[in-house]
Protein backbone atom coordinates (compact mmCIF):
# COMPACT_ATOMS: atom_id res chain seq x y z
CA MET A 1 148.03 95.80 78.63
CA LEU A 2 145.05 98.09 78.10
CA HIS A 3 144.88 99.59 74.60
CA ARG A 4 143.61 103.09 73.93
CA ARG A 5 140.54 101.76 72.04
CA ASP A 6 139.68 99.45 74.94
CA LEU A 7 140.04 102.33 77.36
CA PHE A 8 137.51 104.48 75.47
CA ASP A 9 135.16 101.51 75.10
CA LEU A 10 135.32 100.79 78.82
CA SER A 11 134.73 104.44 79.61
CA ALA A 12 131.71 104.60 77.32
CA ARG A 13 130.21 101.43 78.75
CA GLY A 14 131.00 102.61 82.27
CA LEU A 15 129.20 105.93 81.74
CA GLY A 16 126.27 104.06 80.22
CA ALA A 17 126.10 101.69 83.15
CA THR A 18 126.28 104.58 85.59
CA ALA A 19 123.46 106.38 83.78
CA LEU A 20 121.40 103.19 83.70
CA LEU A 21 121.88 102.62 87.42
CA SER A 22 120.86 106.21 88.09
CA LEU A 23 117.67 105.82 86.05
CA LEU A 24 116.88 102.51 87.71
CA GLU A 25 117.30 104.11 91.11
CA LEU A 26 114.99 106.97 90.18
CA ASP A 27 112.34 104.49 89.03
CA GLY A 28 112.64 102.44 92.20
CA TRP A 29 114.01 99.32 90.47
CA LEU A 30 117.52 99.55 91.83
CA ALA A 31 116.28 99.94 95.38
CA ALA A 32 114.07 96.88 94.94
CA ALA A 33 117.00 94.88 93.57
CA GLU A 34 119.19 95.89 96.48
CA ARG A 35 116.50 95.02 99.01
CA THR A 36 116.00 91.53 97.67
CA THR A 37 119.61 90.79 98.62
CA GLY A 38 120.85 91.05 102.16
CA GLU A 39 119.41 89.77 105.37
CA ALA A 40 117.09 92.65 106.19
CA GLY A 41 116.03 93.55 102.66
CA PHE A 42 112.43 94.06 101.53
CA PRO A 43 110.48 92.57 99.99
CA ASN A 44 111.41 89.24 101.57
CA PHE A 45 109.61 87.28 98.86
CA ALA A 46 107.65 87.86 95.67
CA PRO A 47 104.92 90.42 96.43
CA ARG A 48 101.36 90.12 95.23
CA ALA A 49 100.57 93.80 95.85
CA ARG A 50 102.47 96.81 94.53
CA ARG A 51 100.11 99.42 95.94
CA ALA A 52 97.03 99.70 98.16
CA VAL A 53 94.01 101.92 98.74
CA GLN A 54 92.14 101.83 102.03
CA ILE A 55 88.62 103.17 102.52
CA CYS A 56 88.27 103.96 106.24
CA LEU A 57 84.72 104.27 107.57
CA VAL A 58 84.90 106.58 110.60
CA GLY A 59 82.45 105.98 113.45
CA GLY A 60 81.72 102.26 113.21
CA LEU A 61 79.82 100.57 110.37
CA SER A 62 77.09 98.18 111.51
CA HIS A 63 78.17 94.78 110.20
CA LEU A 64 74.70 93.50 111.09
CA ASP A 65 73.18 95.84 108.51
CA SER A 66 75.77 95.37 105.77
CA PHE A 67 78.04 92.31 105.44
CA ASP A 68 77.12 89.90 108.26
CA TYR A 69 73.72 88.30 107.69
CA LYS A 70 72.09 87.19 110.95
CA PRO A 71 68.54 85.89 110.33
CA GLU A 72 68.27 85.04 114.05
CA LEU A 73 68.02 88.76 114.80
CA ALA A 74 64.50 88.73 113.36
CA ARG A 75 63.52 85.88 115.69
CA TYR A 76 65.01 87.61 118.74
CA HIS A 77 63.76 91.08 117.77
CA GLY A 78 62.40 92.85 120.84
CA LYS A 79 63.89 90.37 123.31
CA SER A 80 66.53 91.00 125.98
CA LEU A 81 70.16 89.95 125.60
CA ASP A 82 70.59 86.56 127.29
CA SER A 83 73.88 87.31 129.05
CA GLN A 84 75.05 88.30 132.51
CA GLU A 85 78.10 90.03 131.05
CA GLN A 86 78.35 93.79 131.10
CA PRO A 87 79.38 94.61 127.53
CA ASP A 88 82.23 97.04 126.85
CA ILE A 89 80.21 99.64 124.99
CA PHE A 90 80.38 103.41 124.83
CA PHE A 91 77.21 104.62 126.57
CA GLY A 92 76.52 101.48 128.62
CA LYS A 93 72.82 101.23 127.70
CA VAL A 94 71.86 97.67 126.73
CA GLY A 95 68.48 97.78 125.03
CA LEU A 96 66.50 95.05 123.32
CA ILE A 97 67.76 93.09 120.33
CA ARG A 98 66.88 94.64 116.96
CA GLN A 99 66.67 93.06 113.53
CA SER A 100 68.44 94.57 110.55
CA ASP A 101 66.89 97.55 108.80
CA TRP A 102 67.96 96.24 105.38
CA GLN A 103 67.21 93.07 103.47
CA PHE A 104 70.12 90.72 102.82
CA ARG A 105 70.52 88.83 99.55
CA GLN A 106 73.02 86.37 98.15
CA ARG A 107 75.08 88.15 95.51
CA GLY A 108 76.87 87.07 92.35
CA GLU A 109 78.08 83.59 91.60
CA SER A 110 79.79 83.41 94.99
CA GLY A 111 76.51 83.81 96.87
CA LEU A 112 77.98 86.17 99.47
CA TRP A 113 75.34 87.67 101.73
CA ILE A 114 75.33 91.47 101.41
CA SER A 115 72.50 93.81 102.37
CA ASP A 116 70.71 96.39 100.26
CA LEU A 117 72.62 99.10 102.15
CA PHE A 118 75.37 98.79 99.50
CA PRO A 119 73.58 97.86 96.24
CA GLN A 120 76.49 98.89 93.97
CA VAL A 121 79.19 97.18 96.06
CA ALA A 122 76.92 94.11 96.15
CA GLU A 123 77.19 93.92 92.36
CA VAL A 124 80.96 93.32 92.63
CA ALA A 125 80.59 90.75 95.44
CA ASP A 126 82.55 88.16 93.47
CA ASP A 127 85.65 90.34 93.82
CA LEU A 128 85.39 90.69 97.60
CA THR A 129 87.09 88.79 100.41
CA ILE A 130 84.99 89.48 103.50
CA ILE A 131 86.34 89.02 107.03
CA ARG A 132 83.38 88.64 109.39
CA SER A 133 85.24 88.03 112.65
CA MET A 134 87.26 91.18 113.26
CA VAL A 135 87.88 92.18 116.89
CA SER A 136 89.39 95.34 118.38
CA ASP A 137 91.10 96.28 121.64
CA SER A 138 88.93 99.35 122.20
CA ALA A 139 85.29 100.42 121.97
CA ASN A 140 86.24 104.11 121.97
CA HIS A 141 86.65 105.96 118.68
CA THR A 142 90.08 107.55 118.97
CA PRO A 143 92.04 104.61 120.42
CA ALA A 144 90.13 102.21 118.14
CA LEU A 145 91.17 104.26 115.10
CA PHE A 146 94.76 104.26 116.34
CA VAL A 147 94.65 100.45 116.68
CA ALA A 148 93.25 100.10 113.15
CA ASN A 149 95.97 102.37 111.73
CA SER A 150 99.03 101.58 113.83
CA GLY A 151 98.28 98.49 115.93
CA PHE A 152 98.44 100.48 119.20
CA GLN A 153 95.78 102.35 121.19
CA PHE A 154 98.02 105.39 121.70
CA ASN A 155 99.37 107.99 119.33
CA GLY A 156 103.06 108.21 118.52
CA PHE A 157 103.26 104.91 116.64
CA PRO A 158 103.76 104.69 112.86
CA SER A 159 100.72 103.98 110.70
CA VAL A 160 100.46 101.16 108.17
CA GLY A 161 101.20 103.50 105.27
CA SER A 162 104.29 104.81 107.01
CA TRP A 163 105.61 101.28 107.62
CA LEU A 164 105.09 100.45 103.94
CA SER A 165 106.88 103.63 102.92
CA TYR A 166 109.77 102.85 105.27
CA GLY A 167 110.04 99.21 104.23
CA LEU A 168 109.60 99.49 100.47
CA GLY A 169 110.54 103.05 99.62
CA SER A 170 109.00 105.09 96.84
CA GLU A 171 108.22 104.34 93.21
CA THR A 172 107.96 108.03 92.34
CA GLN A 173 110.18 111.04 92.97
CA SER A 174 107.45 113.62 92.33
CA LEU A 175 104.64 112.42 94.62
CA PRO A 176 104.51 111.24 98.23
CA THR A 177 104.66 107.51 98.92
CA TYR A 178 101.68 107.75 101.29
CA VAL A 179 98.69 110.03 100.58
CA VAL A 180 95.60 110.72 102.72
CA LEU A 181 92.28 111.95 101.28
CA PRO A 182 90.00 113.12 104.15
CA ASP A 183 86.25 113.62 104.02
CA GLN A 184 85.38 117.18 103.00
CA ARG A 185 83.28 117.48 106.18
CA GLY A 186 86.32 117.13 108.44
CA GLY A 187 89.06 114.84 109.67
CA PRO A 188 88.68 111.70 111.80
CA ASN A 189 89.14 111.47 115.56
CA GLY A 190 92.81 111.89 116.37
CA GLY A 191 93.44 113.88 113.19
CA ALA A 192 96.92 113.58 111.72
CA SER A 193 97.95 111.07 114.40
CA ASN A 194 96.14 108.47 112.28
CA TRP A 195 98.68 108.86 109.46
CA SER A 196 101.71 109.75 111.56
CA SER A 197 105.17 108.32 110.89
CA GLY A 198 105.66 108.11 114.67
CA PHE A 199 109.30 107.32 115.44
CA LEU A 200 110.09 106.47 111.79
CA PRO A 201 111.88 109.13 109.72
CA ALA A 202 109.55 112.05 109.02
CA GLN A 203 109.43 111.56 105.24
CA HIS A 204 107.24 108.48 105.75
CA GLN A 205 104.29 110.42 107.19
CA GLY A 206 101.07 110.55 105.19
CA VAL A 207 100.57 113.67 103.07
CA VAL A 208 97.05 115.11 103.05
CA LEU A 209 95.54 116.19 99.73
CA GLN A 210 92.45 118.39 100.05
CA GLY A 211 89.85 119.27 97.46
CA GLY A 212 89.82 122.55 95.59
CA PRO A 213 92.43 124.40 93.54
CA GLN A 214 95.18 123.91 96.17
CA PRO A 215 95.14 120.23 97.23
CA VAL A 216 98.22 120.76 99.42
CA ARG A 217 98.26 123.69 101.84
CA ASP A 218 101.05 126.21 101.18
CA LEU A 219 102.32 124.20 98.21
CA PHE A 220 102.51 127.37 96.10
CA PRO A 221 103.99 130.72 97.17
CA ALA A 222 101.66 133.58 98.04
CA ARG A 223 102.96 135.55 95.06
CA GLU A 224 104.32 134.25 91.79
CA LEU A 225 108.10 134.12 91.47
CA GLY A 226 110.10 134.25 88.30
CA ALA A 227 111.70 131.00 87.19
CA GLY A 228 115.18 132.43 87.64
CA SER A 229 114.50 133.74 91.15
CA GLU A 230 112.99 130.45 92.28
CA ALA A 231 115.88 128.40 90.88
CA ALA A 232 118.44 130.73 92.47
CA THR A 233 116.66 130.52 95.83
CA ARG A 234 116.68 126.72 95.73
CA GLU A 235 120.34 126.62 94.75
CA PHE A 236 121.23 128.99 97.60
CA LEU A 237 119.29 126.90 100.14
CA GLN A 238 120.95 123.75 98.87
CA ARG A 239 124.40 125.28 99.38
CA LEU A 240 123.49 126.38 102.91
CA ASN A 241 122.15 122.92 103.74
CA GLU A 242 125.28 121.24 102.39
CA ARG A 243 127.54 123.60 104.34
CA HIS A 244 125.58 122.85 107.52
CA ARG A 245 125.81 119.09 106.89
CA GLN A 246 129.57 119.25 106.41
CA ARG A 247 129.97 121.23 109.61
CA THR A 248 127.66 119.20 111.89
CA GLY A 249 127.46 115.80 110.20
CA PRO A 250 124.37 113.91 109.02
CA GLU A 251 121.19 114.55 110.98
CA GLN A 252 118.17 112.37 110.22
CA ALA A 253 115.46 114.90 111.12
CA LEU A 254 117.11 117.64 109.06
CA ALA A 255 117.67 115.31 106.11
CA ALA A 256 114.00 114.33 106.22
CA ARG A 257 112.95 117.98 106.31
CA ILE A 258 115.21 118.82 103.35
CA ARG A 259 113.79 115.87 101.42
CA SER A 260 110.25 117.08 102.21
CA TYR A 261 111.03 120.49 100.69
CA GLU A 262 112.57 118.85 97.65
CA LEU A 263 109.45 116.72 97.27
CA ALA A 264 107.29 119.84 97.64
CA ALA A 265 109.13 121.40 94.72
CA GLU A 266 108.43 118.32 92.60
CA MET A 267 104.80 118.33 93.74
CA GLN A 268 104.27 121.85 92.41
CA LEU A 269 104.25 120.25 88.99
CA SER A 270 102.91 116.75 89.70
CA VAL A 271 100.00 117.49 92.08
CA PRO A 272 98.07 119.90 89.80
CA GLU A 273 98.44 117.38 86.98
CA VAL A 274 97.34 114.29 88.89
CA SER A 275 94.48 116.10 90.69
CA ASP A 276 92.99 117.53 87.49
CA LEU A 277 90.09 115.18 86.71
CA ALA A 278 88.74 117.20 83.79
CA GLY A 279 90.43 114.96 81.24
CA GLU A 280 88.73 111.80 82.46
CA PRO A 281 86.06 110.41 80.09
CA GLU A 282 82.47 111.15 81.00
CA SER A 283 81.77 107.44 81.37
CA ILE A 284 84.46 107.18 84.05
CA ARG A 285 83.18 110.26 85.85
CA ARG A 286 79.69 108.75 85.95
CA MET A 287 81.09 105.41 87.14
CA TYR A 288 82.52 107.17 90.19
CA GLY A 289 79.38 109.27 90.74
CA LEU A 290 80.87 112.66 89.93
CA ASP A 291 77.62 113.58 88.17
CA GLN A 292 75.58 113.39 91.41
CA GLU A 293 75.80 115.79 94.33
CA ALA A 294 75.54 113.06 96.98
CA THR A 295 78.46 111.04 95.60
CA ALA A 296 80.61 113.80 94.09
CA ASP A 297 82.98 114.24 97.04
CA ALA A 298 83.70 110.55 97.59
CA GLY A 299 83.73 110.00 93.83
CA ARG A 300 86.42 112.63 93.28
CA ARG A 301 88.57 111.12 96.03
CA CYS A 302 88.17 107.56 94.75
CA LEU A 303 89.04 108.65 91.21
CA LEU A 304 91.98 110.69 92.50
CA ALA A 305 93.15 107.62 94.42
CA ARG A 306 93.23 105.58 91.22
CA ARG A 307 95.23 108.31 89.47
CA LEU A 308 97.68 108.53 92.37
CA LEU A 309 98.20 104.76 92.35
CA GLU A 310 98.83 104.89 88.60
CA GLN A 311 101.54 107.51 89.16
CA GLY A 312 103.45 105.41 91.69
CA VAL A 313 101.95 106.35 95.05
CA ARG A 314 102.17 103.23 97.18
CA PHE A 315 99.43 103.72 99.78
CA VAL A 316 96.29 105.90 99.64
CA GLN A 317 93.81 106.29 102.48
CA ILE A 318 90.29 107.58 101.81
CA TYR A 319 88.29 108.57 104.89
CA SER A 320 84.49 108.27 104.87
CA GLY A 321 83.09 110.32 107.70
CA GLY A 322 84.66 113.08 109.71
CA PRO A 323 83.51 114.73 112.92
CA ILE A 324 81.83 112.37 115.39
CA ALA A 325 80.10 115.11 117.37
CA GLY A 326 77.16 117.13 116.15
CA SER A 327 73.68 116.38 114.92
CA PRO A 328 73.28 114.94 112.42
CA ARG A 329 76.58 113.10 112.79
CA ALA A 330 78.99 113.44 109.88
CA SER A 331 80.16 109.86 110.34
CA TRP A 332 78.97 106.24 110.69
CA ASP A 333 78.46 106.63 114.46
CA ALA A 334 74.82 105.49 114.49
CA HIS A 335 73.89 105.91 118.15
CA GLU A 336 70.53 107.57 117.53
CA ASN A 337 69.19 105.96 114.36
CA VAL A 338 71.00 103.35 112.24
CA LEU A 339 68.52 103.51 109.35
CA GLU A 340 68.78 107.28 109.01
CA ASN A 341 72.52 107.52 109.61
CA HIS A 342 73.72 104.57 107.50
CA SER A 343 71.35 105.37 104.62
CA ALA A 344 72.87 108.84 104.31
CA GLU A 345 76.48 107.71 104.68
CA ALA A 346 76.19 104.73 102.32
CA ALA A 347 74.56 106.92 99.68
CA ARG A 348 77.78 108.98 99.65
CA ILE A 349 80.23 106.13 99.02
CA ASP A 350 78.45 103.09 97.55
CA ARG A 351 78.76 104.07 93.88
CA PRO A 352 82.28 105.60 94.19
CA VAL A 353 83.72 102.54 95.96
CA ALA A 354 82.12 100.12 93.49
CA GLY A 355 83.31 102.36 90.65
CA LEU A 356 86.87 102.24 91.99
CA LEU A 357 86.82 98.43 92.04
CA ARG A 358 85.37 98.24 88.52
CA ASP A 359 87.85 100.77 87.18
CA LEU A 360 90.88 99.05 88.72
CA LYS A 361 89.69 95.72 87.32
CA GLN A 362 89.07 96.98 83.78
CA ARG A 363 92.54 98.57 83.74
CA GLY A 364 94.21 95.38 84.92
CA MET A 365 95.33 97.09 88.12
CA LEU A 366 93.30 94.99 90.55
CA ASP A 367 95.71 92.09 90.06
CA ASP A 368 98.45 93.91 91.98
CA THR A 369 96.44 96.53 93.89
CA LEU A 370 95.08 95.76 97.35
CA VAL A 371 91.75 97.41 98.20
CA LEU A 372 90.71 97.54 101.88
CA PHE A 373 87.31 98.57 103.23
CA THR A 374 87.59 98.96 107.02
CA THR A 375 85.97 100.48 110.08
CA GLU A 376 87.30 100.80 113.63
CA PHE A 377 84.59 98.55 115.13
CA GLY A 378 81.03 97.39 114.49
CA ARG A 379 77.67 98.01 116.15
CA THR A 380 75.79 96.02 118.78
CA PRO A 381 72.91 93.63 117.98
CA PHE A 382 70.96 95.29 120.80
CA THR A 383 69.87 98.87 120.64
CA GLN A 384 71.12 101.82 122.62
CA SER A 385 68.03 102.50 124.73
CA GLU A 386 66.33 101.60 127.96
CA ALA A 387 66.06 97.85 128.52
CA ASP A 388 62.30 97.72 127.88
CA GLN A 389 62.40 99.51 124.52
CA VAL A 390 63.42 98.58 120.99
CA GLY A 391 65.43 101.63 120.08
CA THR A 392 66.62 102.80 116.65
CA GLY A 393 70.35 103.18 117.31
CA ARG A 394 73.21 100.77 118.01
CA ASP A 395 76.23 101.24 120.29
CA HIS A 396 79.91 100.43 119.61
CA ASN A 397 80.85 96.76 119.30
CA ARG A 398 84.51 95.73 119.48
CA TYR A 399 83.79 92.01 119.96
CA GLY A 400 82.96 91.19 116.33
CA PHE A 401 82.56 93.13 113.07
CA SER A 402 83.26 92.98 109.33
CA VAL A 403 85.79 94.39 106.88
CA TRP A 404 86.56 93.36 103.33
CA MET A 405 89.50 93.31 100.96
CA ALA A 406 89.87 92.81 97.21
CA GLY A 407 92.59 92.26 94.60
CA ALA A 408 96.30 91.46 95.01
CA GLY A 409 95.97 87.68 94.74
CA LEU A 410 93.30 87.28 97.42
CA ARG A 411 90.73 84.52 97.07
CA PRO A 412 87.67 86.41 95.75
CA GLY A 413 84.05 85.75 96.57
CA ILE A 414 84.67 84.19 100.00
CA SER A 415 84.09 85.04 103.65
CA TYR A 416 86.42 84.26 106.53
CA GLY A 417 85.41 83.77 110.16
CA THR A 418 82.00 84.11 111.78
CA THR A 419 80.28 85.86 114.66
CA ASP A 420 77.73 84.23 116.98
CA GLU A 421 74.08 83.81 115.99
CA ILE A 422 73.20 87.42 116.77
CA GLY A 423 76.46 88.96 115.53
CA TRP A 424 77.69 90.15 118.92
CA LYS A 425 81.03 88.35 119.23
CA ALA A 426 83.49 86.61 116.94
CA ALA A 427 82.74 82.89 117.29
CA ASP A 428 85.12 81.30 114.79
CA LYS A 429 88.57 82.48 113.64
CA PRO A 430 88.68 85.85 115.41
CA VAL A 431 90.90 88.35 113.58
CA PRO A 432 92.62 91.09 115.60
CA TRP A 433 94.13 94.06 113.77
CA HIS A 434 97.62 92.59 114.20
CA ASP A 435 96.59 89.64 112.01
CA LEU A 436 95.12 91.91 109.34
CA HIS A 437 98.30 94.03 109.36
CA ALA A 438 100.50 90.93 109.12
CA THR A 439 98.43 89.78 106.14
CA LEU A 440 98.67 93.18 104.46
CA LEU A 441 102.47 93.20 104.79
CA HIS A 442 102.58 89.60 103.53
CA LEU A 443 100.75 90.64 100.36
CA PHE A 444 103.48 93.25 99.82
CA GLY A 445 106.14 90.56 100.16
CA ILE A 446 107.11 91.54 103.71
CA ASP A 447 107.57 89.23 106.69
CA HIS A 448 105.92 91.28 109.44
CA GLU A 449 108.38 89.98 112.04
CA ARG A 450 111.35 91.33 110.07
CA LEU A 451 110.03 94.83 109.35
CA THR A 452 111.39 96.52 112.48
CA TYR A 453 112.80 99.83 113.68
CA TYR A 454 114.96 100.32 116.78
CA HIS A 455 113.39 102.92 119.08
CA ASN A 456 113.92 103.58 122.79
CA GLY A 457 115.74 100.31 123.31
CA ILE A 458 113.14 98.16 121.52
CA GLN A 459 112.96 96.72 118.02
CA ARG A 460 109.49 98.01 117.21
CA ARG A 461 107.22 96.61 114.52
CA LEU A 462 103.71 97.21 113.20
CA THR A 463 102.39 93.97 114.70
CA ASN A 464 104.14 94.46 118.08
CA VAL A 465 104.74 90.90 119.38
CA HIS A 466 101.63 89.47 117.71
CA GLY A 467 100.29 88.77 114.24
CA HIS A 468 99.49 85.78 112.03
CA VAL A 469 99.06 85.81 108.27
CA LEU A 470 95.52 84.83 107.31
CA PRO A 471 95.05 82.04 104.73
CA LEU A 472 93.31 84.23 102.18
CA CYS A 473 95.58 84.09 99.14
CA THR A 474 94.96 82.07 95.99
């Protein structure tokens, strides 16, 4: 028999439990608890990373002038490539071998070889995990960028950030799960296809934040509305949407669009707050290079990335370099002159990227934040010129190049894999993008073979039918 006192007690505790569950769901904890149970739940195991920031170098960073020391280049400088193979390069001109334009030094206690191209990043070498044997499926910018972002050479496939958003959900209700911060000079080849949600639900697409007073286009109405009018409009739209849903049944695309508008309403408050850097201490602003014209743009985006990660955004992409065409190139595409091109581009991001790593570390965030520093391919050890000349530029090289990662339980201060003696091809432990993507998902506690989505009769996944987790964790 249930007494009256017991009934009220049960009701009170029931309301409290309901409220608690609601709050946990809003904060993302309930969803995480639900996903750890059940066969297809995510994460599959204890994650090392809660969030990630990726710095994407558009155009192709020369690994031979940055993170892959090849002293043999000096010995072979001015000599022809000893190979009968016709390399898969962009312009097809195989010039003479050229030594690096920068001096390499061993850095930190780890002794990692890093060139003077990145003096500030070199100072945090002991936090880096460098992969020196990356390979790509394409030597062309647009498909190579697609491979780096989605694992496929064609558009229409979900990007890494979209897969993370789909698999793990959101930790914030007022900001997107996946944010993109493009270079102020323009977007990368392929534009928004690089952060597309593909066939995943539309709410998992990357959201672009621009500089200036309106980081999100059309986020605010053209004319100011009264609070009462805006609330009444939203209520009316909600009633119309609900009536339509009851009449036609659930529709994924429409639900995603409704959720995007709801998120936009939340962002009207959250985006101005998180994008306002004025309250940051002067020491932090200098650390990111906001006090210098050359580094101000990248510095603002790196600092904004840290603030977004603090507020629960799961994946942030920062693009370095925009349009490939034009002279001078606004990217890392050093066909004409590596020394001139890379000096200018590195001067824009070296201090901001190093500042981001230092800031994450001093805040204790690097322990569970994954930092990636990637480029779609490398550059050739031979120059792009006639065969009897030592030119000043390098062509695209998909056969071997370097990227690095930091944080999230990775073994710091090490390198993985090697290229041959002149840095042309991966010689030991080649790493395709599928392996890097599998490793990234592993750090987030996801088995890359289980994160799938049924589309057009196929259980699709980020790593397609490939992928091996690299042994890089502590």
